[in-house]
């Protein structure tokens, strides 16, 4: 798949590009051609990105991609329609539910992405807590599965029962925004 960029205008030091791809209607992006570090979006331009969560921020890059963030994580909207989101969440939880010789705790909650996907993305979750905690992620949490707006719950597992600990769980979601 490829996209064609077409120069559609210049005015006052700004350049407008039109992205033509075979997937959707053409997208037009405007940026300050003199700024090689990208243009920080504000006002209506920032609102148009549709960021979910508090403290939204976004930058439009010269290749047409948009990077940004909110309290829900970071994202990259690629010109070809691909979307990647990442976030690290710290959760406090007991791991005391026994199942044979393994202890587990299902952790649900609202874990919103910073941007909506057009279909359920592929999500990878990892435990970022130091290895000294001797626990891992496992199991499938079908009651709180991934959607186009949120990454699902997870299951903390341990070989020993543990009272409240802090665990960092990171996700990477890959899908499409158009």
C-alpha atoms as a PDB file:
ATOM      1  CA  UNK A   1       0.000   0.000   0.000  1.00  0.00           C
ATOM      2  CA  UNK A   2       1.242   3.469  -0.740  1.00  0.00           C
ATOM      3  CA  UNK A   3       0.041   7.006  -0.354  1.00  0.00           C
ATOM      4  CA  UNK A   4       0.733   9.931  -2.649  1.00  0.00           C
ATOM      5  CA  UNK A   5       1.380  13.393  -1.275  1.00  0.00           C
ATOM      6  CA  UNK A   6       0.220  16.319  -3.359  1.00  0.00           C
ATOM      7  CA  UNK A   7       1.169  19.942  -2.689  1.00  0.00           C
ATOM      8  CA  UNK A   8      -2.093  21.877  -2.777  1.00  0.00           C
ATOM      9  CA  UNK A   9      -1.010  25.298  -1.583  1.00  0.00           C
ATOM     10  CA  UNK A  10       1.371  27.583   0.228  1.00  0.00           C
ATOM     11  CA  UNK A  11       0.530  30.749   2.103  1.00  0.00           C
ATOM     12  CA  UNK A  12       2.368  32.814   4.682  1.00  0.00           C
ATOM     13  CA  UNK A  13       5.111  30.227   5.212  1.00  0.00           C
ATOM     14  CA  UNK A  14       2.646  27.325   5.622  1.00  0.00           C
ATOM     15  CA  UNK A  15       2.384  24.348   3.321  1.00  0.00           C
ATOM     16  CA  UNK A  16      -0.758  22.268   2.699  1.00  0.00           C
ATOM     17  CA  UNK A  17      -0.425  18.658   1.601  1.00  0.00           C
ATOM     18  CA  UNK A  18      -3.125  16.285   0.442  1.00  0.00           C
ATOM     19  CA  UNK A  19      -2.670  12.581   1.229  1.00  0.00           C
ATOM     20  CA  UNK A  20      -4.167  10.303  -1.409  1.00  0.00           C
ATOM     21  CA  UNK A  21      -4.520   6.648  -0.511  1.00  0.00           C
ATOM     22  CA  UNK A  22      -6.763   3.861  -1.725  1.00  0.00           C
ATOM     23  CA  UNK A  23      -8.428   3.302   1.661  1.00  0.00           C
ATOM     24  CA  UNK A  24     -10.600   6.325   2.363  1.00  0.00           C
ATOM     25  CA  UNK A  25     -11.355   9.801   1.199  1.00  0.00           C
ATOM     26  CA  UNK A  26      -8.366  12.062   0.809  1.00  0.00           C
ATOM     27  CA  UNK A  27      -7.022  13.769   3.950  1.00  0.00           C
ATOM     28  CA  UNK A  28      -5.575  17.276   3.878  1.00  0.00           C
ATOM     29  CA  UNK A  29      -2.988  18.313   6.464  1.00  0.00           C
ATOM     30  CA  UNK A  30      -1.459  21.741   6.992  1.00  0.00           C
ATOM     31  CA  UNK A  31       1.822  22.440   8.728  1.00  0.00           C
ATOM     32  CA  UNK A  32       4.485  25.098   8.934  1.00  0.00           C
ATOM     33  CA  UNK A  33       7.011  24.018   6.332  1.00  0.00           C
ATOM     34  CA  UNK A  34       9.835  25.892   8.076  1.00  0.00           C
ATOM     35  CA  UNK A  35       9.430  23.867  11.299  1.00  0.00           C
ATOM     36  CA  UNK A  36      11.301  20.568  10.882  1.00  0.00           C
ATOM     37  CA  UNK A  37      10.276  19.520  14.418  1.00  0.00           C
ATOM     38  CA  UNK A  38       6.576  19.389  13.575  1.00  0.00           C
ATOM     39  CA  UNK A  39       3.743  21.728  14.413  1.00  0.00           C
ATOM     40  CA  UNK A  40       2.051  21.582  17.792  1.00  0.00           C
ATOM     41  CA  UNK A  41      -1.694  21.507  17.264  1.00  0.00           C
ATOM     42  CA  UNK A  42      -3.933  23.853  19.247  1.00  0.00           C
ATOM     43  CA  UNK A  43      -7.577  24.948  19.314  1.00  0.00           C
ATOM     44  CA  UNK A  44      -9.815  23.471  16.615  1.00  0.00           C
ATOM     45  CA  UNK A  45      -6.889  21.595  15.040  1.00  0.00           C
ATOM     46  CA  UNK A  46      -6.238  19.782  18.339  1.00  0.00           C
ATOM     47  CA  UNK A  47      -9.960  19.117  18.870  1.00  0.00           C
ATOM     48  CA  UNK A  48     -10.201  17.586  15.368  1.00  0.00           C
ATOM     49  CA  UNK A  49      -7.717  14.845  16.365  1.00  0.00           C
ATOM     50  CA  UNK A  50     -10.390  13.480  18.806  1.00  0.00           C
ATOM     51  CA  UNK A  51      -8.048  12.676  21.689  1.00  0.00           C
ATOM     52  CA  UNK A  52      -9.666  10.860  24.643  1.00  0.00           C
ATOM     53  CA  UNK A  53      -8.596  11.820  28.160  1.00  0.00           C
ATOM     54  CA  UNK A  54      -7.327  14.769  30.138  1.00  0.00           C
ATOM     55  CA  UNK A  55      -4.306  16.844  29.086  1.00  0.00           C
ATOM     56  CA  UNK A  56      -4.494  16.206  25.310  1.00  0.00           C
ATOM     57  CA  UNK A  57      -1.529  17.183  23.149  1.00  0.00           C
ATOM     58  CA  UNK A  58      -0.615  16.472  19.520  1.00  0.00           C
ATOM     59  CA  UNK A  59       1.997  17.313  16.917  1.00  0.00           C
ATOM     60  CA  UNK A  60       1.574  17.151  13.129  1.00  0.00           C
ATOM     61  CA  UNK A  61       4.757  16.021  11.363  1.00  0.00           C
ATOM     62  CA  UNK A  62       5.867  16.852   7.845  1.00  0.00           C
ATOM     63  CA  UNK A  63       5.197  13.292   6.640  1.00  0.00           C
ATOM     64  CA  UNK A  64       1.541  13.765   7.676  1.00  0.00           C
ATOM     65  CA  UNK A  65       1.718  11.561  10.783  1.00  0.00           C
ATOM     66  CA  UNK A  66       0.337  12.838  14.077  1.00  0.00           C
ATOM     67  CA  UNK A  67       1.839  11.956  17.458  1.00  0.00           C
ATOM     68  CA  UNK A  68       0.166  12.836  20.697  1.00  0.00           C
ATOM     69  CA  UNK A  69      -0.849  11.923  24.182  1.00  0.00           C
ATOM     70  CA  UNK A  70      -3.358  12.269  26.976  1.00  0.00           C
ATOM     71  CA  UNK A  71      -3.544  10.834  30.475  1.00  0.00           C
ATOM     72  CA  UNK A  72      -4.630   7.613  28.701  1.00  0.00           C
ATOM     73  CA  UNK A  73      -1.282   7.125  26.923  1.00  0.00           C
ATOM     74  CA  UNK A  74       0.597   8.065  23.766  1.00  0.00           C
ATOM     75  CA  UNK A  75      -0.344   7.494  20.135  1.00  0.00           C
ATOM     76  CA  UNK A  76       0.931   7.718  16.577  1.00  0.00           C
ATOM     77  CA  UNK A  77      -1.548   8.148  13.722  1.00  0.00           C
ATOM     78  CA  UNK A  78       0.271   7.175  10.533  1.00  0.00           C
ATOM     79  CA  UNK A  79      -0.687   8.596   7.134  1.00  0.00           C
ATOM     80  CA  UNK A  80      -1.396   5.076   5.823  1.00  0.00           C
ATOM     81  CA  UNK A  81      -4.148   4.620   8.458  1.00  0.00           C
ATOM     82  CA  UNK A  82      -2.165   2.597  11.006  1.00  0.00           C
ATOM     83  CA  UNK A  83      -2.547   3.595  14.652  1.00  0.00           C
ATOM     84  CA  UNK A  84      -0.326   2.657  17.592  1.00  0.00           C
ATOM     85  CA  UNK A  85      -1.087   3.420  21.250  1.00  0.00           C
ATOM     86  CA  UNK A  86       0.979   2.737  24.380  1.00  0.00           C
ATOM     87  CA  UNK A  87       0.558   3.304  28.099  1.00  0.00           C
ATOM     88  CA  UNK A  88       1.905   2.112  31.452  1.00  0.00           C
ATOM     89  CA  UNK A  89      -0.613   1.750  34.281  1.00  0.00           C
ATOM     90  CA  UNK A  90       0.304   1.247  37.930  1.00  0.00           C
ATOM     91  CA  UNK A  91      -2.192  -0.846  39.852  1.00  0.00           C
ATOM     92  CA  UNK A  92      -2.316  -1.910  43.487  1.00  0.00           C
ATOM     93  CA  UNK A  93      -3.711  -5.376  44.081  1.00  0.00           C
ATOM     94  CA  UNK A  94      -3.637  -8.478  46.257  1.00  0.00           C
ATOM     95  CA  UNK A  95      -2.835 -11.764  44.516  1.00  0.00           C
ATOM     96  CA  UNK A  96      -4.634 -14.145  46.836  1.00  0.00           C
ATOM     97  CA  UNK A  97      -7.155 -16.103  44.735  1.00  0.00           C
ATOM     98  CA  UNK A  98      -5.885 -19.690  44.770  1.00  0.00           C
ATOM     99  CA  UNK A  99      -6.253 -22.051  41.825  1.00  0.00           C
ATOM    100  CA  UNK A 100      -4.238 -25.190  42.513  1.00  0.00           C
ATOM    101  CA  UNK A 101      -0.678 -24.107  43.202  1.00  0.00           C
ATOM    102  CA  UNK A 102      -1.102 -20.724  41.474  1.00  0.00           C
ATOM    103  CA  UNK A 103      -2.527 -17.526  42.937  1.00  0.00           C
ATOM    104  CA  UNK A 104      -4.280 -15.015  40.717  1.00  0.00           C
ATOM    105  CA  UNK A 105      -6.137 -11.728  40.760  1.00  0.00           C
ATOM    106  CA  UNK A 106      -8.272 -10.462  37.886  1.00  0.00           C
ATOM    107  CA  UNK A 107      -7.906  -6.696  37.496  1.00  0.00           C
ATOM    108  CA  UNK A 108     -10.721  -4.945  35.649  1.00  0.00           C
ATOM    109  CA  UNK A 109     -11.314  -1.283  35.116  1.00  0.00           C
ATOM    110  CA  UNK A 110     -11.707   1.349  32.478  1.00  0.00           C
ATOM    111  CA  UNK A 111      -8.452   1.486  30.552  1.00  0.00           C
ATOM    112  CA  UNK A 112      -9.177   3.893  27.705  1.00  0.00           C
ATOM    113  CA  UNK A 113      -6.931   4.432  24.685  1.00  0.00           C
ATOM    114  CA  UNK A 114      -5.999   8.040  23.856  1.00  0.00           C
ATOM    115  CA  UNK A 115      -7.566   7.611  20.373  1.00  0.00           C
ATOM    116  CA  UNK A 116     -10.417   5.433  19.056  1.00  0.00           C
ATOM    117  CA  UNK A 117      -9.579   2.568  16.674  1.00  0.00           C
ATOM    118  CA  UNK A 118     -11.974   1.695  13.803  1.00  0.00           C
ATOM    119  CA  UNK A 119     -11.884  -1.995  14.798  1.00  0.00           C
ATOM    120  CA  UNK A 120     -10.579  -3.880  17.827  1.00  0.00           C
ATOM    121  CA  UNK A 121      -6.766  -3.590  17.740  1.00  0.00           C
ATOM    122  CA  UNK A 122      -4.158  -6.220  18.519  1.00  0.00           C
ATOM    123  CA  UNK A 123      -3.078  -5.621  22.115  1.00  0.00           C
ATOM    124  CA  UNK A 124       0.076  -6.827  23.861  1.00  0.00           C
ATOM    125  CA  UNK A 125       0.310  -6.466  27.639  1.00  0.00           C
ATOM    126  CA  UNK A 126       3.490  -6.814  29.671  1.00  0.00           C
ATOM    127  CA  UNK A 127       4.325  -6.591  33.343  1.00  0.00           C
ATOM    128  CA  UNK A 128       6.844  -3.823  33.916  1.00  0.00           C
ATOM    129  CA  UNK A 129       7.337  -4.392  37.627  1.00  0.00           C
ATOM    130  CA  UNK A 130      10.840  -5.530  38.660  1.00  0.00           C
ATOM    131  CA  UNK A 131      11.395  -9.306  38.599  1.00  0.00           C
ATOM    132  CA  UNK A 132      11.801  -9.326  42.387  1.00  0.00           C
ATOM    133  CA  UNK A 133       7.998  -9.417  42.688  1.00  0.00           C
ATOM    134  CA  UNK A 134       7.960 -12.897  41.117  1.00  0.00           C
ATOM    135  CA  UNK A 135       4.626 -12.467  39.398  1.00  0.00           C
ATOM    136  CA  UNK A 136       3.451 -12.460  35.798  1.00  0.00           C
ATOM    137  CA  UNK A 137       0.479 -11.682  33.572  1.00  0.00           C
ATOM    138  CA  UNK A 138      -1.645 -14.563  32.459  1.00  0.00           C
ATOM    139  CA  UNK A 139      -5.101 -15.827  31.734  1.00  0.00           C
ATOM    140  CA  UNK A 140      -7.830 -14.405  29.556  1.00  0.00           C
ATOM    141  CA  UNK A 141     -10.237 -11.887  30.987  1.00  0.00           C
ATOM    142  CA  UNK A 142     -13.290 -12.267  28.731  1.00  0.00           C
ATOM    143  CA  UNK A 143     -15.493 -10.210  31.064  1.00  0.00           C
ATOM    144  CA  UNK A 144     -13.385  -7.116  30.314  1.00  0.00           C
ATOM    145  CA  UNK A 145     -12.067  -7.705  26.781  1.00  0.00           C
ATOM    146  CA  UNK A 146     -10.479  -5.187  24.398  1.00  0.00           C
ATOM    147  CA  UNK A 147     -12.763  -2.839  22.446  1.00  0.00           C
ATOM    148  CA  UNK A 148     -12.166  -0.006  19.952  1.00  0.00           C
ATOM    149  CA  UNK A 149     -11.971   2.477  22.864  1.00  0.00           C
ATOM    150  CA  UNK A 150     -10.373   0.499  25.729  1.00  0.00           C
ATOM    151  CA  UNK A 151      -7.841  -2.210  26.486  1.00  0.00           C
ATOM    152  CA  UNK A 152      -9.257  -5.013  28.577  1.00  0.00           C
ATOM    153  CA  UNK A 153      -8.511  -6.191  32.072  1.00  0.00           C
ATOM    154  CA  UNK A 154      -5.685  -8.513  32.976  1.00  0.00           C
ATOM    155  CA  UNK A 155      -4.837 -11.264  35.402  1.00  0.00           C
ATOM    156  CA  UNK A 156      -1.894 -10.975  37.809  1.00  0.00           C
ATOM    157  CA  UNK A 157      -0.459 -14.379  38.713  1.00  0.00           C
ATOM    158  CA  UNK A 158       2.024 -15.565  41.340  1.00  0.00           C
ATOM    159  CA  UNK A 159       3.330 -18.810  42.782  1.00  0.00           C
ATOM    160  CA  UNK A 160       2.705 -17.448  46.306  1.00  0.00           C
ATOM    161  CA  UNK A 161      -0.162 -15.501  47.892  1.00  0.00           C
ATOM    162  CA  UNK A 162       0.657 -11.770  48.068  1.00  0.00           C
ATOM    163  CA  UNK A 163      -0.985  -8.876  49.832  1.00  0.00           C
ATOM    164  CA  UNK A 164      -1.211  -5.463  48.240  1.00  0.00           C
ATOM    165  CA  UNK A 165       1.612  -4.684  45.873  1.00  0.00           C
ATOM    166  CA  UNK A 166       2.117  -2.104  43.149  1.00  0.00           C
ATOM    167  CA  UNK A 167       2.395  -3.503  39.635  1.00  0.00           C
ATOM    168  CA  UNK A 168       3.148  -1.674  36.395  1.00  0.00           C
ATOM    169  CA  UNK A 169       1.272  -3.088  33.430  1.00  0.00           C
ATOM    170  CA  UNK A 170       2.125  -1.750  29.971  1.00  0.00           C
ATOM    171  CA  UNK A 171       0.089  -2.176  26.807  1.00  0.00           C
ATOM    172  CA  UNK A 172       0.803  -1.652  23.140  1.00  0.00           C
ATOM    173  CA  UNK A 173      -2.206  -1.576  20.833  1.00  0.00           C
ATOM    174  CA  UNK A 174      -1.870  -1.689  17.033  1.00  0.00           C
ATOM    175  CA  UNK A 175      -4.710  -1.209  14.599  1.00  0.00           C
ATOM    176  CA  UNK A 176      -6.180   1.401  12.277  1.00  0.00           C
ATOM    177  CA  UNK A 177      -7.651   4.869  12.636  1.00  0.00           C
ATOM    178  CA  UNK A 178      -9.046   5.011   9.097  1.00  0.00           C
END
